[in-house]
């Protein structure tokens, strides 16, 4: 009996996505469909970049890393949410909750850093095209990817360890569909104002500064594009940049509203919608945005489709 009580006292209860909905099954089915599309789209994009020699450039290497992050990001949240819904069990252990917080923070921060570095990649490619192979070599792009992952891991370790050490009061019910730092801190018995200031500082470093850097990069890029005489050159540059800029808006927009909006802790329903957009919808949309607006990716897809018969498509990811 003591063991059972101890387990109950340390487990969290996830109330799920928009608790109180009349037909939650429809929403969960939609989430499952989005998850399937996200997995398919990101894996396909990674395989295309890996298999097609024409896509073995720094830009596409960084894009494959973005797809890998999106793949891991959505997979760290949706499977547990689906298992909870279909099994009727809404519990998650203390270790499981801490693990989910660590992975979601790691992947979220890594994506912020990677998107920032990708904007610099586009700036160099358009504003200094002759020096691009030297400035953004394959080794440099690898260091960019490693730096993004390591930055996410280190920041996540600090926040996860600090957030999980607070003593908690009352029922351990999280008004959320996954373990998230702000939802955990609402249950804390102690004053968390110092930690909230730390979260604000991290938000400025990880969100506000990168957004400023991205906006500066794209301002310089668009000024350079205006000087391009070739219509084809302009359209190619704008297509590549617009894809990345769209992804940046989709990712950073909700993140800024969640972490930097005054009084955001008092709007849990809105926050859930923003988190759903950021962690579930965006990983599904990213490969579509880059595929539909990128001629080289579309060309690679057409090459695969022409080369392979429909009934034997998977082995055709070899060039």
C-alpha atoms as a PDB file:
ATOM      1  CA  UNK A   1       0.000   0.000   0.000  1.00  0.00           C
ATOM      2  CA  UNK A   2       2.809   2.412   0.776  1.00  0.00           C
ATOM      3  CA  UNK A   3       4.360   1.736  -2.608  1.00  0.00           C
ATOM      4  CA  UNK A   4       1.067   2.455  -4.333  1.00  0.00           C
ATOM      5  CA  UNK A   5       0.585   5.680  -2.406  1.00  0.00           C
ATOM      6  CA  UNK A   6       4.134   6.777  -3.175  1.00  0.00           C
ATOM      7  CA  UNK A   7       3.579   6.116  -6.882  1.00  0.00           C
ATOM      8  CA  UNK A   8       0.350   8.063  -6.837  1.00  0.00           C
ATOM      9  CA  UNK A   9       2.001  10.953  -5.041  1.00  0.00           C
ATOM     10  CA  UNK A  10       4.851  11.255  -7.539  1.00  0.00           C
ATOM     11  CA  UNK A  11       2.933  10.677 -10.792  1.00  0.00           C
ATOM     12  CA  UNK A  12       1.462  13.564 -12.769  1.00  0.00           C
ATOM     13  CA  UNK A  13      -1.935  13.552 -14.442  1.00  0.00           C
ATOM     14  CA  UNK A  14      -2.080  15.066 -17.939  1.00  0.00           C
ATOM     15  CA  UNK A  15      -5.577  16.456 -18.492  1.00  0.00           C
ATOM     16  CA  UNK A  16      -4.996  16.395 -22.234  1.00  0.00           C
ATOM     17  CA  UNK A  17      -5.602  18.692 -25.155  1.00  0.00           C
ATOM     18  CA  UNK A  18      -8.459  21.125 -24.466  1.00  0.00           C
ATOM     19  CA  UNK A  19     -10.069  19.189 -21.576  1.00  0.00           C
ATOM     20  CA  UNK A  20     -13.845  19.492 -21.551  1.00  0.00           C
ATOM     21  CA  UNK A  21     -14.301  19.166 -25.315  1.00  0.00           C
ATOM     22  CA  UNK A  22     -17.476  17.329 -26.362  1.00  0.00           C
ATOM     23  CA  UNK A  23     -15.767  15.224 -29.025  1.00  0.00           C
ATOM     24  CA  UNK A  24     -12.081  14.826 -28.053  1.00  0.00           C
ATOM     25  CA  UNK A  25     -11.817  11.729 -30.276  1.00  0.00           C
ATOM     26  CA  UNK A  26     -12.126  13.879 -33.405  1.00  0.00           C
ATOM     27  CA  UNK A  27      -9.300  16.154 -32.276  1.00  0.00           C
ATOM     28  CA  UNK A  28      -7.076  13.225 -31.327  1.00  0.00           C
ATOM     29  CA  UNK A  29      -7.760  11.586 -34.716  1.00  0.00           C
ATOM     30  CA  UNK A  30      -6.763  14.847 -36.413  1.00  0.00           C
ATOM     31  CA  UNK A  31      -3.569  14.968 -34.336  1.00  0.00           C
ATOM     32  CA  UNK A  32      -2.781  11.374 -35.343  1.00  0.00           C
ATOM     33  CA  UNK A  33      -3.267  12.285 -39.019  1.00  0.00           C
ATOM     34  CA  UNK A  34      -0.992  15.324 -38.647  1.00  0.00           C
ATOM     35  CA  UNK A  35       1.609  13.182 -36.864  1.00  0.00           C
ATOM     36  CA  UNK A  36       1.554  10.622 -39.682  1.00  0.00           C
ATOM     37  CA  UNK A  37       1.978  13.378 -42.280  1.00  0.00           C
ATOM     38  CA  UNK A  38       4.813  14.952 -40.278  1.00  0.00           C
ATOM     39  CA  UNK A  39       6.690  11.652 -39.963  1.00  0.00           C
ATOM     40  CA  UNK A  40       6.211  10.865 -43.672  1.00  0.00           C
ATOM     41  CA  UNK A  41       7.152  14.347 -44.873  1.00  0.00           C
ATOM     42  CA  UNK A  42      10.266  14.771 -42.736  1.00  0.00           C
ATOM     43  CA  UNK A  43      11.604  11.258 -43.381  1.00  0.00           C
ATOM     44  CA  UNK A  44      11.028  11.721 -47.127  1.00  0.00           C
ATOM     45  CA  UNK A  45      12.884  15.048 -47.096  1.00  0.00           C
ATOM     46  CA  UNK A  46      15.806  13.568 -45.132  1.00  0.00           C
ATOM     47  CA  UNK A  47      16.034  10.609 -47.553  1.00  0.00           C
ATOM     48  CA  UNK A  48      15.925  12.912 -50.595  1.00  0.00           C
ATOM     49  CA  UNK A  49      18.732  15.098 -49.244  1.00  0.00           C
ATOM     50  CA  UNK A  50      20.777  12.034 -48.325  1.00  0.00           C
ATOM     51  CA  UNK A  51      20.253  10.257 -51.665  1.00  0.00           C
ATOM     52  CA  UNK A  52      20.474  13.074 -54.232  1.00  0.00           C
ATOM     53  CA  UNK A  53      24.070  14.325 -54.820  1.00  0.00           C
ATOM     54  CA  UNK A  54      22.654  17.631 -56.115  1.00  0.00           C
ATOM     55  CA  UNK A  55      21.325  18.307 -52.611  1.00  0.00           C
ATOM     56  CA  UNK A  56      24.649  17.626 -50.878  1.00  0.00           C
ATOM     57  CA  UNK A  57      25.199  21.286 -49.994  1.00  0.00           C
ATOM     58  CA  UNK A  58      25.422  23.134 -46.706  1.00  0.00           C
ATOM     59  CA  UNK A  59      21.923  24.582 -47.079  1.00  0.00           C
ATOM     60  CA  UNK A  60      20.305  21.175 -47.534  1.00  0.00           C
ATOM     61  CA  UNK A  61      22.423  19.616 -44.800  1.00  0.00           C
ATOM     62  CA  UNK A  62      21.030  22.227 -42.380  1.00  0.00           C
ATOM     63  CA  UNK A  63      17.554  21.586 -43.770  1.00  0.00           C
ATOM     64  CA  UNK A  64      17.959  17.856 -43.077  1.00  0.00           C
ATOM     65  CA  UNK A  65      18.908  18.729 -39.496  1.00  0.00           C
ATOM     66  CA  UNK A  66      15.759  20.837 -39.210  1.00  0.00           C
ATOM     67  CA  UNK A  67      13.691  17.872 -40.404  1.00  0.00           C
ATOM     68  CA  UNK A  68      15.460  15.625 -37.899  1.00  0.00           C
ATOM     69  CA  UNK A  69      14.657  18.045 -35.063  1.00  0.00           C
ATOM     70  CA  UNK A  70      11.017  18.305 -36.176  1.00  0.00           C
ATOM     71  CA  UNK A  71      10.802  14.518 -36.369  1.00  0.00           C
ATOM     72  CA  UNK A  72      12.117  14.120 -32.832  1.00  0.00           C
ATOM     73  CA  UNK A  73      10.130  17.112 -31.511  1.00  0.00           C
ATOM     74  CA  UNK A  74       6.703  15.870 -32.532  1.00  0.00           C
ATOM     75  CA  UNK A  75       7.628  12.279 -31.581  1.00  0.00           C
ATOM     76  CA  UNK A  76       8.511  13.375 -28.038  1.00  0.00           C
ATOM     77  CA  UNK A  77       4.929  14.582 -27.503  1.00  0.00           C
ATOM     78  CA  UNK A  78       2.295  12.968 -29.730  1.00  0.00           C
ATOM     79  CA  UNK A  79       2.857   9.211 -29.084  1.00  0.00           C
ATOM     80  CA  UNK A  80       2.460   9.650 -25.314  1.00  0.00           C
ATOM     81  CA  UNK A  81      -0.615  11.806 -25.862  1.00  0.00           C
ATOM     82  CA  UNK A  82      -2.193   9.148 -28.111  1.00  0.00           C
ATOM     83  CA  UNK A  83      -1.360   6.323 -25.692  1.00  0.00           C
ATOM     84  CA  UNK A  84      -2.943   8.262 -22.813  1.00  0.00           C
ATOM     85  CA  UNK A  85      -6.115   8.912 -24.797  1.00  0.00           C
ATOM     86  CA  UNK A  86      -6.674   5.416 -26.169  1.00  0.00           C
ATOM     87  CA  UNK A  87      -5.679   3.622 -22.942  1.00  0.00           C
ATOM     88  CA  UNK A  88      -7.709   5.950 -20.723  1.00  0.00           C
ATOM     89  CA  UNK A  89      -4.678   6.385 -18.447  1.00  0.00           C
ATOM     90  CA  UNK A  90      -3.556   9.977 -18.158  1.00  0.00           C
ATOM     91  CA  UNK A  91      -0.625   9.462 -15.791  1.00  0.00           C
ATOM     92  CA  UNK A  92       3.027  10.139 -16.440  1.00  0.00           C
ATOM     93  CA  UNK A  93       5.764   9.333 -13.935  1.00  0.00           C
ATOM     94  CA  UNK A  94       8.050  11.929 -12.401  1.00  0.00           C
ATOM     95  CA  UNK A  95      11.006  10.568 -14.376  1.00  0.00           C
ATOM     96  CA  UNK A  96       8.899  10.399 -17.543  1.00  0.00           C
ATOM     97  CA  UNK A  97       7.773  13.990 -17.048  1.00  0.00           C
ATOM     98  CA  UNK A  98      11.323  15.224 -16.479  1.00  0.00           C
ATOM     99  CA  UNK A  99      12.505  13.300 -19.543  1.00  0.00           C
ATOM    100  CA  UNK A 100       9.776  14.817 -21.715  1.00  0.00           C
ATOM    101  CA  UNK A 101      10.604  18.316 -20.461  1.00  0.00           C
ATOM    102  CA  UNK A 102      14.288  17.753 -21.234  1.00  0.00           C
ATOM    103  CA  UNK A 103      13.679  16.537 -24.793  1.00  0.00           C
ATOM    104  CA  UNK A 104      11.074  19.152 -25.712  1.00  0.00           C
ATOM    105  CA  UNK A 105      13.246  21.980 -24.383  1.00  0.00           C
ATOM    106  CA  UNK A 106      16.354  20.579 -26.085  1.00  0.00           C
ATOM    107  CA  UNK A 107      14.624  20.253 -29.449  1.00  0.00           C
ATOM    108  CA  UNK A 108      12.769  23.560 -29.168  1.00  0.00           C
ATOM    109  CA  UNK A 109      15.906  25.554 -28.326  1.00  0.00           C
ATOM    110  CA  UNK A 110      17.964  23.663 -30.916  1.00  0.00           C
ATOM    111  CA  UNK A 111      15.392  24.576 -33.582  1.00  0.00           C
ATOM    112  CA  UNK A 112      15.550  28.249 -32.559  1.00  0.00           C
ATOM    113  CA  UNK A 113      19.332  28.264 -32.908  1.00  0.00           C
ATOM    114  CA  UNK A 114      19.322  26.292 -36.160  1.00  0.00           C
ATOM    115  CA  UNK A 115      16.765  28.579 -37.820  1.00  0.00           C
ATOM    116  CA  UNK A 116      18.957  31.545 -36.871  1.00  0.00           C
ATOM    117  CA  UNK A 117      22.053  29.941 -38.389  1.00  0.00           C
ATOM    118  CA  UNK A 118      20.088  29.010 -41.510  1.00  0.00           C
ATOM    119  CA  UNK A 119      19.234  32.687 -42.019  1.00  0.00           C
ATOM    120  CA  UNK A 120      22.967  33.471 -41.885  1.00  0.00           C
ATOM    121  CA  UNK A 121      23.548  30.707 -44.444  1.00  0.00           C
ATOM    122  CA  UNK A 122      21.026  32.368 -46.773  1.00  0.00           C
ATOM    123  CA  UNK A 123      22.603  35.778 -46.183  1.00  0.00           C
ATOM    124  CA  UNK A 124      26.050  34.541 -47.206  1.00  0.00           C
ATOM    125  CA  UNK A 125      24.666  32.593 -50.198  1.00  0.00           C
ATOM    126  CA  UNK A 126      22.895  35.642 -51.636  1.00  0.00           C
ATOM    127  CA  UNK A 127      25.069  38.551 -50.508  1.00  0.00           C
ATOM    128  CA  UNK A 128      28.475  36.832 -50.885  1.00  0.00           C
ATOM    129  CA  UNK A 129      27.876  34.000 -53.400  1.00  0.00           C
ATOM    130  CA  UNK A 130      31.519  33.756 -54.526  1.00  0.00           C
ATOM    131  CA  UNK A 131      32.762  33.305 -50.962  1.00  0.00           C
ATOM    132  CA  UNK A 132      29.880  31.048 -49.920  1.00  0.00           C
ATOM    133  CA  UNK A 133      31.722  27.700 -50.383  1.00  0.00           C
ATOM    134  CA  UNK A 134      34.563  29.032 -48.223  1.00  0.00           C
ATOM    135  CA  UNK A 135      32.540  30.764 -45.484  1.00  0.00           C
ATOM    136  CA  UNK A 136      29.862  28.057 -45.218  1.00  0.00           C
ATOM    137  CA  UNK A 137      31.870  24.947 -45.966  1.00  0.00           C
ATOM    138  CA  UNK A 138      30.591  21.483 -45.122  1.00  0.00           C
ATOM    139  CA  UNK A 139      32.690  21.501 -41.958  1.00  0.00           C
ATOM    140  CA  UNK A 140      31.202  24.852 -40.921  1.00  0.00           C
ATOM    141  CA  UNK A 141      27.658  23.619 -41.532  1.00  0.00           C
ATOM    142  CA  UNK A 142      28.409  20.556 -39.379  1.00  0.00           C
ATOM    143  CA  UNK A 143      29.645  22.841 -36.602  1.00  0.00           C
ATOM    144  CA  UNK A 144      26.444  24.890 -36.945  1.00  0.00           C
ATOM    145  CA  UNK A 145      24.330  21.773 -36.481  1.00  0.00           C
ATOM    146  CA  UNK A 146      26.423  20.528 -33.544  1.00  0.00           C
ATOM    147  CA  UNK A 147      26.292  23.979 -31.936  1.00  0.00           C
ATOM    148  CA  UNK A 148      22.499  24.051 -32.233  1.00  0.00           C
ATOM    149  CA  UNK A 149      22.149  20.620 -30.638  1.00  0.00           C
ATOM    150  CA  UNK A 150      24.656  21.355 -27.864  1.00  0.00           C
ATOM    151  CA  UNK A 151      23.084  24.745 -27.113  1.00  0.00           C
ATOM    152  CA  UNK A 152      19.702  23.057 -26.774  1.00  0.00           C
ATOM    153  CA  UNK A 153      21.054  20.269 -24.563  1.00  0.00           C
ATOM    154  CA  UNK A 154      22.941  22.569 -22.167  1.00  0.00           C
ATOM    155  CA  UNK A 155      20.085  25.067 -21.763  1.00  0.00           C
ATOM    156  CA  UNK A 156      17.583  22.232 -21.356  1.00  0.00           C
ATOM    157  CA  UNK A 157      19.685  20.480 -18.715  1.00  0.00           C
ATOM    158  CA  UNK A 158      19.834  23.629 -16.601  1.00  0.00           C
ATOM    159  CA  UNK A 159      16.103  24.401 -16.883  1.00  0.00           C
ATOM    160  CA  UNK A 160      14.942  20.818 -16.402  1.00  0.00           C
ATOM    161  CA  UNK A 161      17.091  20.216 -13.325  1.00  0.00           C
ATOM    162  CA  UNK A 162      16.087  23.519 -11.733  1.00  0.00           C
ATOM    163  CA  UNK A 163      12.370  23.277 -12.534  1.00  0.00           C
ATOM    164  CA  UNK A 164      12.038  19.700 -11.283  1.00  0.00           C
ATOM    165  CA  UNK A 165      13.648  20.406  -7.886  1.00  0.00           C
ATOM    166  CA  UNK A 166      10.765  22.579  -6.633  1.00  0.00           C
ATOM    167  CA  UNK A 167       8.458  20.925  -4.061  1.00  0.00           C
ATOM    168  CA  UNK A 168       4.898  20.586  -5.369  1.00  0.00           C
ATOM    169  CA  UNK A 169       1.589  21.117  -3.549  1.00  0.00           C
ATOM    170  CA  UNK A 170      -1.928  19.852  -4.138  1.00  0.00           C
ATOM    171  CA  UNK A 171      -3.113  17.459  -6.838  1.00  0.00           C
ATOM    172  CA  UNK A 172      -0.534  16.903  -9.558  1.00  0.00           C
ATOM    173  CA  UNK A 173      -2.857  17.727 -12.427  1.00  0.00           C
ATOM    174  CA  UNK A 174      -1.314  19.426 -15.441  1.00  0.00           C
ATOM    175  CA  UNK A 175      -3.712  21.391 -17.648  1.00  0.00           C
ATOM    176  CA  UNK A 176      -1.707  20.378 -20.669  1.00  0.00           C
ATOM    177  CA  UNK A 177      -1.228  17.582 -23.214  1.00  0.00           C
ATOM    178  CA  UNK A 178       2.456  17.125 -22.318  1.00  0.00           C
ATOM    179  CA  UNK A 179       4.829  17.926 -19.454  1.00  0.00           C
ATOM    180  CA  UNK A 180       5.836  21.551 -19.832  1.00  0.00           C
ATOM    181  CA  UNK A 181       7.873  23.732 -17.470  1.00  0.00           C
ATOM    182  CA  UNK A 182       5.293  26.480 -16.928  1.00  0.00           C
ATOM    183  CA  UNK A 183       2.572  23.916 -16.196  1.00  0.00           C
ATOM    184  CA  UNK A 184       4.814  22.195 -13.610  1.00  0.00           C
ATOM    185  CA  UNK A 185       5.740  25.474 -11.926  1.00  0.00           C
ATOM    186  CA  UNK A 186       2.074  26.290 -11.299  1.00  0.00           C
ATOM    187  CA  UNK A 187       2.061  23.414  -8.790  1.00  0.00           C
ATOM    188  CA  UNK A 188       5.099  24.673  -6.879  1.00  0.00           C
ATOM    189  CA  UNK A 189       4.828  25.469  -3.156  1.00  0.00           C
ATOM    190  CA  UNK A 190       7.770  27.889  -3.253  1.00  0.00           C
ATOM    191  CA  UNK A 191       8.293  31.357  -4.654  1.00  0.00           C
ATOM    192  CA  UNK A 192       9.398  30.879  -8.257  1.00  0.00           C
ATOM    193  CA  UNK A 193       9.856  34.542  -9.165  1.00  0.00           C
ATOM    194  CA  UNK A 194      13.644  34.138  -9.438  1.00  0.00           C
ATOM    195  CA  UNK A 195      13.264  31.195 -11.798  1.00  0.00           C
ATOM    196  CA  UNK A 196      10.671  33.093 -13.878  1.00  0.00           C
ATOM    197  CA  UNK A 197      13.248  35.847 -14.353  1.00  0.00           C
ATOM    198  CA  UNK A 198      15.671  33.183 -15.551  1.00  0.00           C
ATOM    199  CA  UNK A 199      13.050  31.948 -18.034  1.00  0.00           C
ATOM    200  CA  UNK A 200      12.622  35.520 -19.287  1.00  0.00           C
ATOM    201  CA  UNK A 201      16.380  35.896 -19.769  1.00  0.00           C
ATOM    202  CA  UNK A 202      16.518  32.586 -21.646  1.00  0.00           C
ATOM    203  CA  UNK A 203      13.580  33.689 -23.809  1.00  0.00           C
ATOM    204  CA  UNK A 204      15.427  36.879 -24.723  1.00  0.00           C
ATOM    205  CA  UNK A 205      18.609  34.963 -25.592  1.00  0.00           C
ATOM    206  CA  UNK A 206      16.879  32.110 -27.446  1.00  0.00           C
ATOM    207  CA  UNK A 207      13.948  33.965 -29.024  1.00  0.00           C
ATOM    208  CA  UNK A 208      14.295  37.754 -29.139  1.00  0.00           C
ATOM    209  CA  UNK A 209      17.975  38.001 -30.095  1.00  0.00           C
ATOM    210  CA  UNK A 210      17.706  35.340 -32.830  1.00  0.00           C
ATOM    211  CA  UNK A 211      14.608  37.035 -34.246  1.00  0.00           C
ATOM    212  CA  UNK A 212      16.500  40.346 -34.374  1.00  0.00           C
ATOM    213  CA  UNK A 213      19.414  38.612 -36.111  1.00  0.00           C
ATOM    214  CA  UNK A 214      17.065  36.931 -38.609  1.00  0.00           C
ATOM    215  CA  UNK A 215      15.271  40.192 -39.409  1.00  0.00           C
ATOM    216  CA  UNK A 216      18.611  41.958 -39.944  1.00  0.00           C
ATOM    217  CA  UNK A 217      19.817  39.149 -42.219  1.00  0.00           C
ATOM    218  CA  UNK A 218      16.668  39.250 -44.333  1.00  0.00           C
ATOM    219  CA  UNK A 219      16.674  43.018 -44.576  1.00  0.00           C
ATOM    220  CA  UNK A 220      20.168  42.822 -46.073  1.00  0.00           C
ATOM    221  CA  UNK A 221      19.102  39.904 -48.283  1.00  0.00           C
ATOM    222  CA  UNK A 222      16.095  41.751 -49.732  1.00  0.00           C
ATOM    223  CA  UNK A 223      18.224  44.841 -50.402  1.00  0.00           C
ATOM    224  CA  UNK A 224      20.644  42.601 -52.292  1.00  0.00           C
ATOM    225  CA  UNK A 225      17.840  40.864 -54.210  1.00  0.00           C
ATOM    226  CA  UNK A 226      16.571  44.225 -55.439  1.00  0.00           C
ATOM    227  CA  UNK A 227      19.917  44.706 -57.183  1.00  0.00           C
ATOM    228  CA  UNK A 228      19.694  41.403 -59.085  1.00  0.00           C
ATOM    229  CA  UNK A 229      18.902  42.110 -62.734  1.00  0.00           C
ATOM    230  CA  UNK A 230      17.858  38.600 -63.726  1.00  0.00           C
ATOM    231  CA  UNK A 231      14.185  37.840 -63.098  1.00  0.00           C
ATOM    232  CA  UNK A 232      15.008  34.156 -62.715  1.00  0.00           C
ATOM    233  CA  UNK A 233      17.724  34.950 -60.178  1.00  0.00           C
ATOM    234  CA  UNK A 234      15.335  37.123 -58.186  1.00  0.00           C
ATOM    235  CA  UNK A 235      12.601  34.509 -58.153  1.00  0.00           C
ATOM    236  CA  UNK A 236      15.013  31.731 -57.098  1.00  0.00           C
ATOM    237  CA  UNK A 237      16.455  33.816 -54.259  1.00  0.00           C
ATOM    238  CA  UNK A 238      13.014  34.924 -53.078  1.00  0.00           C
ATOM    239  CA  UNK A 239      11.606  31.380 -53.235  1.00  0.00           C
ATOM    240  CA  UNK A 240      14.396  29.992 -51.057  1.00  0.00           C
ATOM    241  CA  UNK A 241      14.235  32.867 -48.582  1.00  0.00           C
ATOM    242  CA  UNK A 242      10.437  32.984 -48.396  1.00  0.00           C
ATOM    243  CA  UNK A 243      10.344  29.289 -47.450  1.00  0.00           C
ATOM    244  CA  UNK A 244      12.730  29.832 -44.560  1.00  0.00           C
ATOM    245  CA  UNK A 245      11.049  33.069 -43.495  1.00  0.00           C
ATOM    246  CA  UNK A 246       7.645  31.350 -43.440  1.00  0.00           C
ATOM    247  CA  UNK A 247       9.026  28.585 -41.205  1.00  0.00           C
ATOM    248  CA  UNK A 248      10.578  31.216 -38.915  1.00  0.00           C
ATOM    249  CA  UNK A 249       7.242  33.043 -38.554  1.00  0.00           C
ATOM    250  CA  UNK A 250       5.356  29.794 -37.886  1.00  0.00           C
ATOM    251  CA  UNK A 251       7.839  28.734 -35.208  1.00  0.00           C
ATOM    252  CA  UNK A 252       8.866  31.960 -33.513  1.00  0.00           C
ATOM    253  CA  UNK A 253       5.410  33.591 -33.565  1.00  0.00           C
ATOM    254  CA  UNK A 254       3.716  31.155 -31.143  1.00  0.00           C
ATOM    255  CA  UNK A 255       6.922  30.848 -29.060  1.00  0.00           C
ATOM    256  CA  UNK A 256       7.022  34.610 -28.465  1.00  0.00           C
ATOM    257  CA  UNK A 257       3.334  34.682 -27.535  1.00  0.00           C
ATOM    258  CA  UNK A 258       3.813  31.819 -25.055  1.00  0.00           C
ATOM    259  CA  UNK A 259       6.986  32.899 -23.300  1.00  0.00           C
ATOM    260  CA  UNK A 260       7.146  36.685 -23.746  1.00  0.00           C
ATOM    261  CA  UNK A 261       3.501  37.784 -23.578  1.00  0.00           C
ATOM    262  CA  UNK A 262       2.536  39.468 -20.271  1.00  0.00           C
ATOM    263  CA  UNK A 263      -0.038  37.400 -18.384  1.00  0.00           C
ATOM    264  CA  UNK A 264       0.413  34.335 -20.593  1.00  0.00           C
ATOM    265  CA  UNK A 265       0.215  32.080 -17.521  1.00  0.00           C
ATOM    266  CA  UNK A 266      -3.426  33.131 -17.054  1.00  0.00           C
ATOM    267  CA  UNK A 267      -4.552  31.912 -20.492  1.00  0.00           C
ATOM    268  CA  UNK A 268      -4.035  28.115 -20.454  1.00  0.00           C
ATOM    269  CA  UNK A 269      -6.462  27.392 -23.315  1.00  0.00           C
ATOM    270  CA  UNK A 270      -4.768  29.902 -25.627  1.00  0.00           C
ATOM    271  CA  UNK A 271      -1.372  28.558 -24.596  1.00  0.00           C
ATOM    272  CA  UNK A 272      -2.459  25.020 -25.483  1.00  0.00           C
ATOM    273  CA  UNK A 273      -3.511  26.190 -28.930  1.00  0.00           C
ATOM    274  CA  UNK A 274      -0.164  27.944 -29.418  1.00  0.00           C
ATOM    275  CA  UNK A 275       1.760  24.906 -28.181  1.00  0.00           C
ATOM    276  CA  UNK A 276      -0.248  22.676 -30.517  1.00  0.00           C
ATOM    277  CA  UNK A 277       0.656  24.923 -33.459  1.00  0.00           C
ATOM    278  CA  UNK A 278       4.343  25.053 -32.467  1.00  0.00           C
ATOM    279  CA  UNK A 279       4.929  21.405 -31.530  1.00  0.00           C
ATOM    280  CA  UNK A 280       2.464  19.521 -33.761  1.00  0.00           C
ATOM    281  CA  UNK A 281       1.426  21.611 -36.774  1.00  0.00           C
ATOM    282  CA  UNK A 282       4.789  23.256 -37.552  1.00  0.00           C
ATOM    283  CA  UNK A 283       6.741  19.953 -37.845  1.00  0.00           C
ATOM    284  CA  UNK A 284       4.117  18.814 -40.363  1.00  0.00           C
ATOM    285  CA  UNK A 285       4.151  22.076 -42.346  1.00  0.00           C
ATOM    286  CA  UNK A 286       7.935  22.567 -42.580  1.00  0.00           C
ATOM    287  CA  UNK A 287       8.698  19.807 -45.142  1.00  0.00           C
ATOM    288  CA  UNK A 288       5.669  20.878 -47.195  1.00  0.00           C
ATOM    289  CA  UNK A 289       6.805  24.512 -47.241  1.00  0.00           C
ATOM    290  CA  UNK A 290      10.360  23.641 -48.282  1.00  0.00           C
ATOM    291  CA  UNK A 291       9.239  21.048 -50.839  1.00  0.00           C
ATOM    292  CA  UNK A 292       6.528  23.042 -52.604  1.00  0.00           C
ATOM    293  CA  UNK A 293       8.543  26.273 -52.868  1.00  0.00           C
ATOM    294  CA  UNK A 294      11.952  24.814 -53.682  1.00  0.00           C
ATOM    295  CA  UNK A 295      12.674  23.877 -57.290  1.00  0.00           C
ATOM    296  CA  UNK A 296      15.616  21.617 -56.455  1.00  0.00           C
ATOM    297  CA  UNK A 297      13.614  19.593 -53.931  1.00  0.00           C
ATOM    298  CA  UNK A 298      10.658  19.358 -56.326  1.00  0.00           C
ATOM    299  CA  UNK A 299      13.066  18.302 -59.085  1.00  0.00           C
ATOM    300  CA  UNK A 300      14.536  15.599 -56.847  1.00  0.00           C
ATOM    301  CA  UNK A 301      11.045  14.289 -56.040  1.00  0.00           C
ATOM    302  CA  UNK A 302      10.157  14.172 -59.749  1.00  0.00           C
ATOM    303  CA  UNK A 303      13.406  12.335 -60.453  1.00  0.00           C
ATOM    304  CA  UNK A 304      12.502   9.655 -57.903  1.00  0.00           C
ATOM    305  CA  UNK A 305       8.965   9.331 -59.274  1.00  0.00           C
ATOM    306  CA  UNK A 306      10.216   8.975 -62.866  1.00  0.00           C
ATOM    307  CA  UNK A 307      12.912   6.501 -61.933  1.00  0.00           C
ATOM    308  CA  UNK A 308      10.792   4.168 -59.834  1.00  0.00           C
ATOM    309  CA  UNK A 309       7.629   2.246 -60.550  1.00  0.00           C
ATOM    310  CA  UNK A 310       4.849   2.893 -58.040  1.00  0.00           C
ATOM    311  CA  UNK A 311       4.916  -0.617 -56.608  1.00  0.00           C
ATOM    312  CA  UNK A 312       8.662  -0.482 -55.893  1.00  0.00           C
ATOM    313  CA  UNK A 313       9.326   3.046 -54.754  1.00  0.00           C
ATOM    314  CA  UNK A 314      11.348   2.713 -51.542  1.00  0.00           C
ATOM    315  CA  UNK A 315      14.494   1.139 -53.064  1.00  0.00           C
ATOM    316  CA  UNK A 316      14.653   4.063 -55.501  1.00  0.00           C
ATOM    317  CA  UNK A 317      16.216   6.440 -52.967  1.00  0.00           C
ATOM    318  CA  UNK A 318      19.561   5.602 -54.543  1.00  0.00           C
ATOM    319  CA  UNK A 319      21.201   7.672 -57.235  1.00  0.00           C
END
